[in-house]
Structures are given as structure tokens and as C-alpha cells.
């Protein structure tokens, strides 16, 4: 049998298959039951605070491989740094997302952030426990630049505001379609305020 395994983890749907045709059939069969990953809604201030690296960059290449423990498949994306906004970076940075195909085996994660060759973006990255840099808050941490506007990447993600908490800060929902220069200026302003608070 081509089908190998489906693993359910809270907030994730992981599908492991060997045959792409069987995967297509299985996805169609289960599509009514597959739901978007539900993640906490962040403000821009929280997004900046939870990110170790923030860059304006362009995707150069992508590749897929097992992690060091040969437990999970990850797809890695090398990003040329056009503007280092926050954190320590070199000329390129690698953003990683769980999922992909290796050795005929496919792992798909609900809510994983997509990347495309040549795509230009402002990306917020946090370091995972295994050392990879991944988009903060799922698609909340990646803004594709199209023309003179930024666009959020929330496909496959459902945002949930913390219950019973008064929210303060800049809503990310209102930033979709913003001017990239203004967006980056706002992020730098938040970083500057954080540095000032740290030295007091």
C-alpha cells in the first residue's frame, strides 16, 4: 500500500505519503475535515519582540531534507538579505519550514509558510529548538512585497485573539497593503524603543 501514515498533533495536520497520486486522492477525500492551523494573533510589537532576525530579502533557492535526527522533513529557503532590519545576519539567511518531499515521502504541515523563487519579502524569524530559523507566528511573520505594497501570508492559518485580554499595540490586520518603506520604518521604531528600554 502506498499510503504510509497520518499523524495528528494539536494545531498541525501532518500527512506522510509515498505516492503523489494517492496523496491527491487522500487530500480530496479528507478536505472537508482538514482545518487551518489555529494560532494566537500577534500585534506588530509582539511580532518584533518574538523574532531574533528581521530582514527585507529575496528568495534565492530552496531545498528539502531530513532534520539531523531523521525524524521530520524540512524545506529550507536561502534568502538574499537586501536590508538587515533586526538581528545579526550575513549576506544571506536561511528560513526553514516543516514539510516537503524526500526519498519519495511527503510530509505536509497545515499552516506552513510558502516561499517562491525570486519572491521579495520582509520576514520575521525566530530560532526553533533544533536551531532552524522559522517564520514567527506562521504567516504573520512573512510579508511579500508586490509592487509598492506588502501582502500578508495567512493562507491555512486562523488567527485567535487571546480571550479576556485587552489588546494594545499595532494590529497586523491593518498592515496588509501598506507601503514597504513605512512598514520597515515602523519596525525599526519598535526596535529602537526596545533598545532604549533595555538600557534604562
N, C-alpha and C. Protein backbone atom coordinates (compact mmCIF):
# COMPACT_ATOMS: atom_id res chain seq x y z
N UNK A 1 0.84 -1.19 0.00
CA UNK A 1 0.00 0.00 0.00
C UNK A 1 0.89 1.24 0.00
N UNK A 2 0.55 2.26 -0.83
CA UNK A 2 1.38 3.45 -0.97
C UNK A 2 1.31 4.34 0.26
N UNK A 3 0.15 4.41 0.87
CA UNK A 3 -0.06 5.32 2.00
C UNK A 3 0.69 4.82 3.22
N UNK A 4 1.43 5.72 3.85
CA UNK A 4 2.23 5.29 4.99
C UNK A 4 1.65 5.71 6.32
N UNK A 5 1.34 6.99 6.51
CA UNK A 5 0.94 7.41 7.85
C UNK A 5 0.30 8.78 7.83
N UNK A 6 -0.61 9.02 8.76
CA UNK A 6 -1.11 10.37 9.04
C UNK A 6 -0.94 10.57 10.53
N UNK A 7 -0.32 11.67 10.91
CA UNK A 7 -0.10 11.96 12.31
C UNK A 7 -0.81 13.26 12.64
N UNK A 8 -1.60 13.26 13.71
CA UNK A 8 -2.27 14.46 14.15
C UNK A 8 -1.60 14.99 15.41
N UNK A 9 -1.21 16.25 15.38
CA UNK A 9 -0.63 16.93 16.54
C UNK A 9 -1.47 18.18 16.74
N UNK A 10 -1.83 18.54 17.97
CA UNK A 10 -2.65 19.75 18.17
C UNK A 10 -2.09 20.95 17.41
N UNK A 11 -2.93 21.56 16.58
CA UNK A 11 -2.52 22.70 15.79
C UNK A 11 -1.89 22.35 14.47
N UNK A 12 -1.63 21.04 14.23
CA UNK A 12 -0.99 20.62 13.00
C UNK A 12 -1.76 19.46 12.38
N UNK A 13 -1.63 19.32 11.08
CA UNK A 13 -2.07 18.11 10.41
C UNK A 13 -0.89 17.67 9.57
N UNK A 14 -0.31 16.54 9.89
CA UNK A 14 0.85 16.04 9.18
C UNK A 14 0.43 14.82 8.38
N UNK A 15 0.72 14.85 7.08
CA UNK A 15 0.38 13.73 6.23
C UNK A 15 1.67 13.18 5.63
N UNK A 16 1.92 11.90 5.82
CA UNK A 16 3.09 11.27 5.24
C UNK A 16 2.63 10.24 4.21
N UNK A 17 3.06 10.42 2.96
CA UNK A 17 2.66 9.51 1.91
C UNK A 17 3.87 9.25 1.02
N UNK A 18 3.80 8.17 0.26
CA UNK A 18 4.87 7.86 -0.67
C UNK A 18 4.45 8.13 -2.12
N UNK A 19 3.20 7.89 -2.44
CA UNK A 19 2.74 8.02 -3.82
C UNK A 19 1.97 9.32 -3.99
N UNK A 20 2.44 10.24 -4.89
CA UNK A 20 1.76 11.52 -5.07
C UNK A 20 0.31 11.39 -5.51
N UNK A 21 0.00 10.37 -6.35
CA UNK A 21 -1.38 10.20 -6.80
C UNK A 21 -2.28 9.79 -5.64
N UNK A 22 -1.76 8.93 -4.77
CA UNK A 22 -2.56 8.54 -3.61
C UNK A 22 -2.76 9.74 -2.69
N UNK A 23 -1.71 10.57 -2.58
CA UNK A 23 -1.82 11.76 -1.73
C UNK A 23 -2.92 12.68 -2.25
N UNK A 24 -2.97 12.88 -3.59
CA UNK A 24 -4.01 13.74 -4.16
C UNK A 24 -5.40 13.20 -3.86
N UNK A 25 -5.55 11.88 -3.99
CA UNK A 25 -6.84 11.26 -3.69
C UNK A 25 -7.19 11.42 -2.22
N UNK A 26 -6.20 11.18 -1.35
CA UNK A 26 -6.43 11.28 0.09
C UNK A 26 -6.79 12.71 0.49
N UNK A 27 -6.09 13.70 -0.10
CA UNK A 27 -6.37 15.09 0.23
C UNK A 27 -7.78 15.47 -0.17
N UNK A 28 -8.22 15.01 -1.34
CA UNK A 28 -9.58 15.30 -1.78
C UNK A 28 -10.60 14.63 -0.87
N UNK A 29 -10.30 13.41 -0.45
CA UNK A 29 -11.21 12.66 0.40
C UNK A 29 -11.35 13.31 1.77
N UNK A 30 -10.26 13.85 2.29
CA UNK A 30 -10.28 14.40 3.64
C UNK A 30 -10.45 15.92 3.70
N UNK A 31 -10.58 16.57 2.54
CA UNK A 31 -10.57 18.03 2.52
C UNK A 31 -11.66 18.65 3.38
N UNK A 32 -12.77 17.99 3.53
CA UNK A 32 -13.83 18.57 4.34
C UNK A 32 -13.48 18.56 5.82
N UNK A 33 -12.53 17.72 6.21
CA UNK A 33 -12.16 17.60 7.62
C UNK A 33 -10.89 18.35 7.98
N UNK A 34 -10.10 18.73 6.95
CA UNK A 34 -8.84 19.42 7.23
C UNK A 34 -9.11 20.87 7.56
N UNK A 35 -8.62 21.34 8.68
CA UNK A 35 -8.85 22.71 9.11
C UNK A 35 -7.54 23.48 9.15
N UNK A 36 -7.65 24.77 9.10
CA UNK A 36 -6.47 25.61 9.20
C UNK A 36 -5.89 25.52 10.60
N UNK A 37 -4.58 25.73 10.69
CA UNK A 37 -3.94 25.77 12.00
C UNK A 37 -4.42 27.02 12.74
N UNK A 38 -4.82 26.87 13.98
CA UNK A 38 -5.27 28.00 14.79
C UNK A 38 -4.08 28.48 15.61
N UNK A 39 -3.72 29.77 15.44
CA UNK A 39 -2.55 30.32 16.12
C UNK A 39 -2.92 31.63 16.81
N UNK A 40 -2.23 31.99 17.88
CA UNK A 40 -2.51 33.26 18.58
C UNK A 40 -2.24 34.45 17.67
N UNK A 41 -3.15 35.40 17.68
CA UNK A 41 -2.96 36.61 16.89
C UNK A 41 -1.95 37.52 17.58
N UNK A 42 -0.97 37.99 16.82
CA UNK A 42 0.08 38.85 17.36
C UNK A 42 -0.13 40.30 16.93
N UNK A 43 0.38 41.22 17.73
CA UNK A 43 0.48 42.61 17.30
C UNK A 43 1.85 42.77 16.64
N UNK A 44 2.08 43.90 15.99
CA UNK A 44 3.38 44.13 15.38
C UNK A 44 4.46 44.18 16.45
N UNK A 45 4.15 44.77 17.60
CA UNK A 45 5.12 44.83 18.69
C UNK A 45 5.49 43.43 19.19
N UNK A 46 4.50 42.54 19.30
CA UNK A 46 4.77 41.16 19.73
C UNK A 46 5.57 40.41 18.67
N UNK A 47 5.24 40.65 17.40
CA UNK A 47 5.95 40.00 16.31
C UNK A 47 7.43 40.38 16.33
N UNK A 48 7.71 41.65 16.54
CA UNK A 48 9.10 42.12 16.62
C UNK A 48 9.78 41.52 17.85
N UNK A 49 9.10 41.52 18.99
CA UNK A 49 9.67 41.03 20.24
C UNK A 49 10.03 39.55 20.18
N UNK A 50 9.23 38.77 19.46
CA UNK A 50 9.43 37.32 19.42
C UNK A 50 10.35 36.86 18.29
N UNK A 51 10.90 37.81 17.53
CA UNK A 51 11.75 37.46 16.38
C UNK A 51 13.21 37.78 16.67
N UNK A 52 14.08 36.81 16.36
CA UNK A 52 15.52 37.03 16.54
C UNK A 52 16.15 37.69 15.31
N UNK A 53 15.53 37.49 14.15
CA UNK A 53 16.05 38.04 12.89
C UNK A 53 14.90 38.65 12.11
N UNK A 54 15.12 39.86 11.57
CA UNK A 54 14.13 40.51 10.72
C UNK A 54 14.88 41.08 9.52
N UNK A 55 14.50 40.67 8.31
CA UNK A 55 15.19 41.16 7.11
C UNK A 55 14.20 41.45 5.99
N UNK A 56 14.62 42.33 5.11
CA UNK A 56 13.98 42.51 3.81
C UNK A 56 14.87 41.73 2.86
N UNK A 57 14.30 40.70 2.20
CA UNK A 57 15.14 39.85 1.38
C UNK A 57 14.43 39.27 0.18
N UNK A 58 15.18 38.46 -0.58
CA UNK A 58 14.65 37.81 -1.78
C UNK A 58 15.09 36.34 -1.78
N UNK A 59 14.16 35.44 -2.10
CA UNK A 59 14.45 34.01 -2.10
C UNK A 59 15.37 33.66 -3.27
N UNK A 60 16.50 33.04 -2.96
CA UNK A 60 17.46 32.62 -3.98
C UNK A 60 17.22 31.18 -4.42
N UNK A 61 17.03 30.28 -3.45
CA UNK A 61 16.85 28.85 -3.78
C UNK A 61 16.21 28.15 -2.60
N UNK A 62 15.68 26.95 -2.88
CA UNK A 62 15.05 26.13 -1.84
C UNK A 62 15.49 24.69 -1.99
N UNK A 63 15.55 23.96 -0.87
CA UNK A 63 15.86 22.54 -0.91
C UNK A 63 15.20 21.86 0.30
N UNK A 64 15.02 20.56 0.18
CA UNK A 64 14.32 19.80 1.22
C UNK A 64 15.20 18.66 1.71
N UNK A 65 15.17 18.43 3.05
CA UNK A 65 15.96 17.34 3.61
C UNK A 65 15.41 16.97 4.99
N UNK A 66 15.86 15.80 5.47
CA UNK A 66 15.50 15.38 6.82
C UNK A 66 16.24 16.25 7.84
N UNK A 67 15.67 16.37 9.04
CA UNK A 67 16.41 17.02 10.11
C UNK A 67 17.52 16.10 10.58
N UNK A 68 18.36 16.59 11.49
CA UNK A 68 19.53 15.81 11.93
C UNK A 68 19.15 14.48 12.55
N UNK A 69 17.99 14.41 13.21
CA UNK A 69 17.55 13.17 13.83
C UNK A 69 16.77 12.26 12.90
N UNK A 70 16.65 12.66 11.62
CA UNK A 70 15.91 11.89 10.62
C UNK A 70 14.48 11.60 11.10
N UNK A 71 13.88 12.60 11.78
CA UNK A 71 12.52 12.45 12.29
C UNK A 71 11.50 13.20 11.45
N UNK A 72 11.87 14.40 10.99
CA UNK A 72 10.94 15.25 10.25
C UNK A 72 11.60 15.82 9.01
N UNK A 73 10.78 16.09 8.00
CA UNK A 73 11.25 16.70 6.76
C UNK A 73 11.09 18.21 6.87
N UNK A 74 12.12 18.93 6.45
CA UNK A 74 12.08 20.40 6.45
C UNK A 74 12.46 20.91 5.06
N UNK A 75 11.82 22.01 4.66
CA UNK A 75 12.20 22.69 3.43
C UNK A 75 12.88 24.00 3.80
N UNK A 76 14.07 24.20 3.25
CA UNK A 76 14.90 25.35 3.59
C UNK A 76 14.93 26.32 2.41
N UNK A 77 14.95 27.61 2.73
CA UNK A 77 14.93 28.65 1.69
C UNK A 77 16.05 29.64 1.97
N UNK A 78 17.01 29.72 1.05
CA UNK A 78 18.09 30.69 1.20
C UNK A 78 17.60 32.05 0.71
N UNK A 79 17.72 33.06 1.57
CA UNK A 79 17.20 34.39 1.28
C UNK A 79 18.36 35.39 1.23
N UNK A 80 18.47 36.10 0.12
CA UNK A 80 19.44 37.18 -0.01
C UNK A 80 18.96 38.36 0.83
N UNK A 81 19.82 38.86 1.69
CA UNK A 81 19.45 39.98 2.56
C UNK A 81 19.64 41.29 1.81
N UNK A 82 18.54 41.96 1.52
CA UNK A 82 18.58 43.26 0.84
C UNK A 82 18.67 44.41 1.84
N UNK A 83 18.08 44.19 3.01
CA UNK A 83 18.08 45.22 4.06
C UNK A 83 18.00 44.52 5.41
N UNK A 84 19.11 44.50 6.19
CA UNK A 84 19.07 43.88 7.52
C UNK A 84 18.37 44.81 8.51
N UNK A 85 17.21 44.41 8.98
CA UNK A 85 16.41 45.28 9.84
C UNK A 85 16.68 45.02 11.31
N UNK A 86 16.71 43.74 11.71
CA UNK A 86 16.94 43.40 13.11
C UNK A 86 17.70 42.10 13.23
N UNK A 87 18.52 41.99 14.26
CA UNK A 87 19.30 40.77 14.47
C UNK A 87 20.61 40.80 13.71
N UNK A 88 21.44 39.80 13.97
CA UNK A 88 22.74 39.69 13.31
C UNK A 88 22.63 38.74 12.13
N UNK A 89 22.91 39.23 10.91
CA UNK A 89 22.80 38.41 9.71
C UNK A 89 24.01 38.64 8.82
N UNK A 90 24.22 37.70 7.91
CA UNK A 90 25.26 37.83 6.89
C UNK A 90 24.59 38.30 5.59
N UNK A 91 25.18 37.96 4.45
CA UNK A 91 24.60 38.35 3.16
C UNK A 91 23.35 37.55 2.83
N UNK A 92 23.26 36.35 3.41
CA UNK A 92 22.07 35.52 3.22
C UNK A 92 21.63 34.96 4.56
N UNK A 93 20.37 34.54 4.62
CA UNK A 93 19.82 33.89 5.80
C UNK A 93 18.95 32.73 5.30
N UNK A 94 18.86 31.67 6.07
CA UNK A 94 18.05 30.51 5.67
C UNK A 94 16.81 30.43 6.55
N UNK A 95 15.64 30.51 5.91
CA UNK A 95 14.36 30.32 6.60
C UNK A 95 13.88 28.91 6.32
N UNK A 96 13.40 28.23 7.35
CA UNK A 96 13.00 26.83 7.21
C UNK A 96 11.56 26.63 7.65
N UNK A 97 10.87 25.72 6.97
CA UNK A 97 9.51 25.34 7.32
C UNK A 97 9.40 23.83 7.31
N UNK A 98 8.67 23.25 8.28
CA UNK A 98 8.50 21.80 8.26
C UNK A 98 7.65 21.38 7.07
N UNK A 99 7.99 20.23 6.51
CA UNK A 99 7.24 19.70 5.37
C UNK A 99 8.09 19.63 4.12
N UNK A 100 7.60 18.87 3.15
CA UNK A 100 8.30 18.70 1.88
C UNK A 100 8.37 17.24 1.50
N UNK A 101 9.11 16.94 0.45
CA UNK A 101 9.23 15.58 -0.06
C UNK A 101 10.69 15.18 -0.13
N UNK A 102 11.02 14.04 0.49
CA UNK A 102 12.36 13.47 0.46
C UNK A 102 12.22 11.96 0.32
N UNK A 103 13.03 11.36 -0.55
CA UNK A 103 13.05 9.90 -0.72
C UNK A 103 11.65 9.35 -1.00
N UNK A 104 10.85 10.09 -1.76
CA UNK A 104 9.51 9.62 -2.11
C UNK A 104 8.50 9.74 -0.99
N UNK A 105 8.89 10.35 0.12
CA UNK A 105 7.99 10.52 1.26
C UNK A 105 7.65 12.00 1.41
N UNK A 106 6.36 12.31 1.52
CA UNK A 106 5.90 13.69 1.64
C UNK A 106 5.33 13.94 3.02
N UNK A 107 5.74 15.06 3.63
CA UNK A 107 5.17 15.50 4.88
C UNK A 107 4.57 16.88 4.66
N UNK A 108 3.30 17.03 4.99
CA UNK A 108 2.62 18.31 4.80
C UNK A 108 2.11 18.81 6.14
N UNK A 109 2.40 20.08 6.43
CA UNK A 109 2.01 20.70 7.69
C UNK A 109 0.98 21.79 7.42
N UNK A 110 -0.15 21.72 8.10
CA UNK A 110 -1.15 22.77 7.96
C UNK A 110 -0.60 24.08 8.50
N UNK A 111 -0.69 25.14 7.69
CA UNK A 111 -0.23 26.45 8.11
C UNK A 111 1.23 26.74 7.83
N UNK A 112 1.97 25.78 7.21
CA UNK A 112 3.37 26.05 6.87
C UNK A 112 3.44 27.21 5.88
N UNK A 113 4.43 28.06 6.04
CA UNK A 113 4.55 29.27 5.22
C UNK A 113 5.21 28.94 3.89
N UNK A 114 4.57 29.31 2.75
CA UNK A 114 5.16 29.02 1.44
C UNK A 114 6.17 30.08 1.01
N UNK A 115 7.13 29.67 0.19
CA UNK A 115 8.11 30.58 -0.40
C UNK A 115 8.21 30.27 -1.89
N UNK A 116 8.58 31.26 -2.69
CA UNK A 116 8.73 31.06 -4.13
C UNK A 116 10.06 31.66 -4.58
N UNK A 117 10.72 31.02 -5.56
CA UNK A 117 11.98 31.58 -6.06
C UNK A 117 11.79 33.01 -6.57
N UNK A 118 12.69 33.90 -6.17
CA UNK A 118 12.61 35.28 -6.59
C UNK A 118 11.66 36.15 -5.78
N UNK A 119 10.92 35.54 -4.86
CA UNK A 119 9.95 36.28 -4.05
C UNK A 119 10.69 37.27 -3.14
N UNK A 120 10.20 38.50 -3.10
CA UNK A 120 10.77 39.53 -2.24
C UNK A 120 9.85 39.74 -1.05
N UNK A 121 10.42 39.90 0.14
CA UNK A 121 9.60 39.93 1.35
C UNK A 121 10.30 40.64 2.49
N UNK A 122 9.50 40.99 3.51
CA UNK A 122 10.02 41.32 4.83
C UNK A 122 9.65 40.13 5.69
N UNK A 123 10.66 39.49 6.30
CA UNK A 123 10.44 38.24 7.03
C UNK A 123 10.92 38.39 8.48
N UNK A 124 10.09 37.94 9.40
CA UNK A 124 10.40 37.90 10.83
C UNK A 124 10.67 36.45 11.18
N UNK A 125 11.82 36.16 11.78
CA UNK A 125 12.22 34.78 12.04
C UNK A 125 12.57 34.57 13.51
N UNK A 126 12.15 33.42 14.03
CA UNK A 126 12.57 33.02 15.38
C UNK A 126 13.36 31.73 15.27
N UNK A 127 14.20 31.45 16.26
CA UNK A 127 15.02 30.23 16.22
C UNK A 127 14.28 29.09 16.91
N UNK A 128 14.11 27.99 16.19
CA UNK A 128 13.42 26.82 16.73
C UNK A 128 14.33 26.07 17.69
N UNK A 129 13.77 25.15 18.49
CA UNK A 129 14.60 24.38 19.42
C UNK A 129 15.70 23.57 18.73
N UNK A 130 15.52 23.22 17.45
CA UNK A 130 16.57 22.46 16.76
C UNK A 130 17.50 23.37 15.97
N UNK A 131 17.36 24.68 16.16
CA UNK A 131 18.33 25.62 15.58
C UNK A 131 17.94 26.27 14.28
N UNK A 132 16.86 25.83 13.64
CA UNK A 132 16.45 26.46 12.39
C UNK A 132 15.76 27.79 12.66
N UNK A 133 15.85 28.70 11.70
CA UNK A 133 15.08 29.94 11.74
C UNK A 133 13.77 29.71 10.99
N UNK A 134 12.65 30.07 11.62
CA UNK A 134 11.34 29.84 11.03
C UNK A 134 10.49 31.10 11.16
N UNK A 135 9.55 31.32 10.24
CA UNK A 135 8.69 32.50 10.28
C UNK A 135 7.95 32.57 11.61
N UNK A 136 8.01 33.70 12.28
CA UNK A 136 7.36 33.91 13.57
C UNK A 136 5.84 33.99 13.38
N UNK A 137 5.11 33.28 14.23
CA UNK A 137 3.65 33.37 14.17
C UNK A 137 3.06 32.85 12.88
N UNK A 138 3.71 31.84 12.28
CA UNK A 138 3.28 31.31 10.98
C UNK A 138 3.30 32.43 9.95
N UNK A 139 2.24 32.57 9.15
CA UNK A 139 2.21 33.59 8.10
C UNK A 139 2.21 35.01 8.60
N UNK A 140 1.98 35.21 9.90
CA UNK A 140 2.04 36.56 10.45
C UNK A 140 3.45 37.14 10.34
N UNK A 141 4.45 36.28 10.21
CA UNK A 141 5.83 36.73 10.17
C UNK A 141 6.41 36.91 8.78
N UNK A 142 5.57 36.81 7.74
CA UNK A 142 6.09 36.96 6.38
C UNK A 142 5.19 37.90 5.58
N UNK A 143 5.81 38.95 5.02
CA UNK A 143 5.08 39.91 4.20
C UNK A 143 5.72 39.99 2.83
N UNK A 144 5.02 39.48 1.83
CA UNK A 144 5.52 39.51 0.46
C UNK A 144 5.37 40.92 -0.09
N UNK A 145 6.40 41.38 -0.81
CA UNK A 145 6.36 42.70 -1.42
C UNK A 145 5.95 42.54 -2.88
N UNK A 146 4.80 43.13 -3.21
CA UNK A 146 4.30 43.10 -4.59
C UNK A 146 4.12 44.55 -5.04
N UNK A 147 4.97 44.97 -5.97
CA UNK A 147 4.91 46.37 -6.40
C UNK A 147 5.31 47.27 -5.26
N UNK A 148 4.43 48.19 -4.91
CA UNK A 148 4.73 49.14 -3.83
C UNK A 148 3.93 48.82 -2.57
N UNK A 149 3.53 47.55 -2.41
CA UNK A 149 2.72 47.15 -1.26
C UNK A 149 3.23 45.84 -0.66
N UNK A 150 2.97 45.67 0.65
CA UNK A 150 3.27 44.39 1.29
C UNK A 150 1.97 43.61 1.44
N UNK A 151 2.07 42.29 1.35
CA UNK A 151 0.91 41.42 1.48
C UNK A 151 1.20 40.32 2.49
N UNK A 152 0.25 40.09 3.39
CA UNK A 152 0.43 39.05 4.42
C UNK A 152 0.30 37.67 3.80
N UNK A 153 0.75 36.66 4.54
CA UNK A 153 0.73 35.27 4.08
C UNK A 153 0.01 34.42 5.12
N UNK A 154 -1.31 34.52 5.17
CA UNK A 154 -2.07 33.83 6.21
C UNK A 154 -2.89 32.66 5.68
N UNK A 155 -2.59 32.19 4.48
CA UNK A 155 -3.32 31.04 3.94
C UNK A 155 -3.07 29.81 4.82
N UNK A 156 -4.14 29.13 5.19
CA UNK A 156 -4.01 27.94 6.02
C UNK A 156 -3.87 28.23 7.49
N UNK A 157 -4.08 29.51 7.88
CA UNK A 157 -3.94 29.90 9.28
C UNK A 157 -5.19 30.64 9.73
N UNK A 158 -5.69 30.28 10.89
CA UNK A 158 -6.80 31.01 11.50
C UNK A 158 -6.29 31.68 12.76
N UNK A 159 -6.44 33.01 12.84
CA UNK A 159 -5.92 33.76 13.97
C UNK A 159 -6.94 33.79 15.10
N UNK A 160 -6.45 33.61 16.33
CA UNK A 160 -7.31 33.64 17.51
C UNK A 160 -6.76 34.65 18.49
N UNK A 161 -7.56 35.68 18.80
CA UNK A 161 -7.15 36.69 19.79
C UNK A 161 -7.26 36.09 21.18
N UNK A 162 -6.31 36.35 22.07
CA UNK A 162 -6.38 35.84 23.44
C UNK A 162 -7.68 36.27 24.11
N UNK A 163 -8.41 35.33 24.69
CA UNK A 163 -9.71 35.62 25.31
C UNK A 163 -9.52 36.41 26.60
N UNK A 164 -10.39 37.39 26.80
CA UNK A 164 -10.41 38.14 28.05
C UNK A 164 -9.24 39.07 28.29
N UNK A 165 -8.46 39.33 27.23
CA UNK A 165 -7.31 40.22 27.40
C UNK A 165 -7.50 41.48 26.56
N UNK A 166 -7.26 42.62 27.17
CA UNK A 166 -7.29 43.87 26.42
C UNK A 166 -6.04 43.94 25.56
N UNK A 167 -6.22 44.17 24.26
CA UNK A 167 -5.08 44.21 23.35
C UNK A 167 -4.56 45.63 23.19
N UNK A 168 -3.25 45.77 23.24
CA UNK A 168 -2.63 47.05 22.95
C UNK A 168 -1.55 46.79 21.91
N UNK A 169 -1.25 47.80 21.13
CA UNK A 169 -0.25 47.61 20.09
C UNK A 169 -0.85 47.76 18.71
N UNK A 170 -0.02 47.56 17.71
CA UNK A 170 -0.42 47.75 16.32
C UNK A 170 -0.96 46.46 15.74
N UNK A 171 -2.20 46.49 15.27
CA UNK A 171 -2.81 45.30 14.67
C UNK A 171 -2.15 44.97 13.34
N UNK A 172 -1.82 43.69 13.13
CA UNK A 172 -1.22 43.27 11.88
C UNK A 172 -2.23 43.28 10.74
N UNK A 173 -3.51 43.12 11.09
CA UNK A 173 -4.54 43.08 10.04
C UNK A 173 -4.56 44.38 9.25
N UNK A 174 -4.29 45.49 9.91
CA UNK A 174 -4.33 46.78 9.23
C UNK A 174 -3.09 47.08 8.41
N UNK A 175 -2.07 46.21 8.47
CA UNK A 175 -0.83 46.47 7.76
C UNK A 175 -0.79 45.84 6.38
N UNK A 176 -1.74 44.95 6.08
CA UNK A 176 -1.78 44.32 4.76
C UNK A 176 -2.04 45.39 3.71
N UNK A 177 -1.15 45.50 2.75
CA UNK A 177 -1.28 46.52 1.72
C UNK A 177 -0.51 47.80 2.02
N UNK A 178 0.24 47.81 3.12
CA UNK A 178 0.99 49.01 3.49
C UNK A 178 2.20 49.22 2.57
N UNK A 179 2.72 50.44 2.58
CA UNK A 179 3.94 50.75 1.85
C UNK A 179 5.12 50.08 2.56
N UNK A 180 5.98 49.34 1.83
CA UNK A 180 7.10 48.63 2.48
C UNK A 180 8.03 49.55 3.26
N UNK A 181 8.31 50.74 2.75
CA UNK A 181 9.22 51.65 3.45
C UNK A 181 8.62 52.11 4.78
N UNK A 182 7.33 52.40 4.79
CA UNK A 182 6.65 52.80 6.02
C UNK A 182 6.62 51.64 7.00
N UNK A 183 6.33 50.44 6.50
CA UNK A 183 6.29 49.24 7.33
C UNK A 183 7.63 49.02 8.02
N UNK A 184 8.72 49.08 7.25
CA UNK A 184 10.05 48.86 7.82
C UNK A 184 10.41 49.98 8.82
N UNK A 185 9.99 51.19 8.54
CA UNK A 185 10.26 52.30 9.47
C UNK A 185 9.56 52.05 10.80
N UNK A 186 8.33 51.55 10.75
CA UNK A 186 7.60 51.22 11.98
C UNK A 186 8.31 50.13 12.78
N UNK A 187 8.81 49.11 12.08
CA UNK A 187 9.52 48.02 12.74
C UNK A 187 10.79 48.53 13.40
N UNK A 188 11.54 49.37 12.69
CA UNK A 188 12.77 49.94 13.26
C UNK A 188 12.48 50.82 14.46
N UNK A 189 11.36 51.52 14.43
CA UNK A 189 10.98 52.36 15.56
C UNK A 189 10.71 51.51 16.79
N UNK A 190 10.05 50.37 16.61
CA UNK A 190 9.77 49.45 17.73
C UNK A 190 11.09 48.89 18.27
N UNK A 191 12.00 48.52 17.39
CA UNK A 191 13.30 48.00 17.82
C UNK A 191 14.08 49.06 18.60
N UNK A 192 14.02 50.30 18.15
CA UNK A 192 14.73 51.39 18.84
C UNK A 192 14.16 51.60 20.24
N UNK A 193 12.83 51.53 20.36
CA UNK A 193 12.20 51.69 21.70
C UNK A 193 12.60 50.54 22.61
N UNK A 194 12.71 49.35 22.07
CA UNK A 194 13.13 48.19 22.88
C UNK A 194 14.55 48.36 23.38
N UNK A 195 15.44 48.87 22.50
CA UNK A 195 16.83 49.08 22.91
C UNK A 195 16.92 50.15 24.00
N UNK A 196 16.12 51.20 23.86
CA UNK A 196 16.11 52.26 24.87
C UNK A 196 15.62 51.74 26.21
N UNK A 197 14.59 50.90 26.19
CA UNK A 197 14.05 50.33 27.44
C UNK A 197 15.07 49.40 28.09
N UNK A 198 15.86 48.70 27.28
CA UNK A 198 16.83 47.74 27.81
C UNK A 198 17.96 48.42 28.56
N UNK A 199 18.30 49.65 28.18
CA UNK A 199 19.43 50.33 28.81
C UNK A 199 19.02 51.16 30.02
N UNK A 200 17.73 51.30 30.24
CA UNK A 200 17.24 52.08 31.38
C UNK A 200 17.32 51.27 32.67
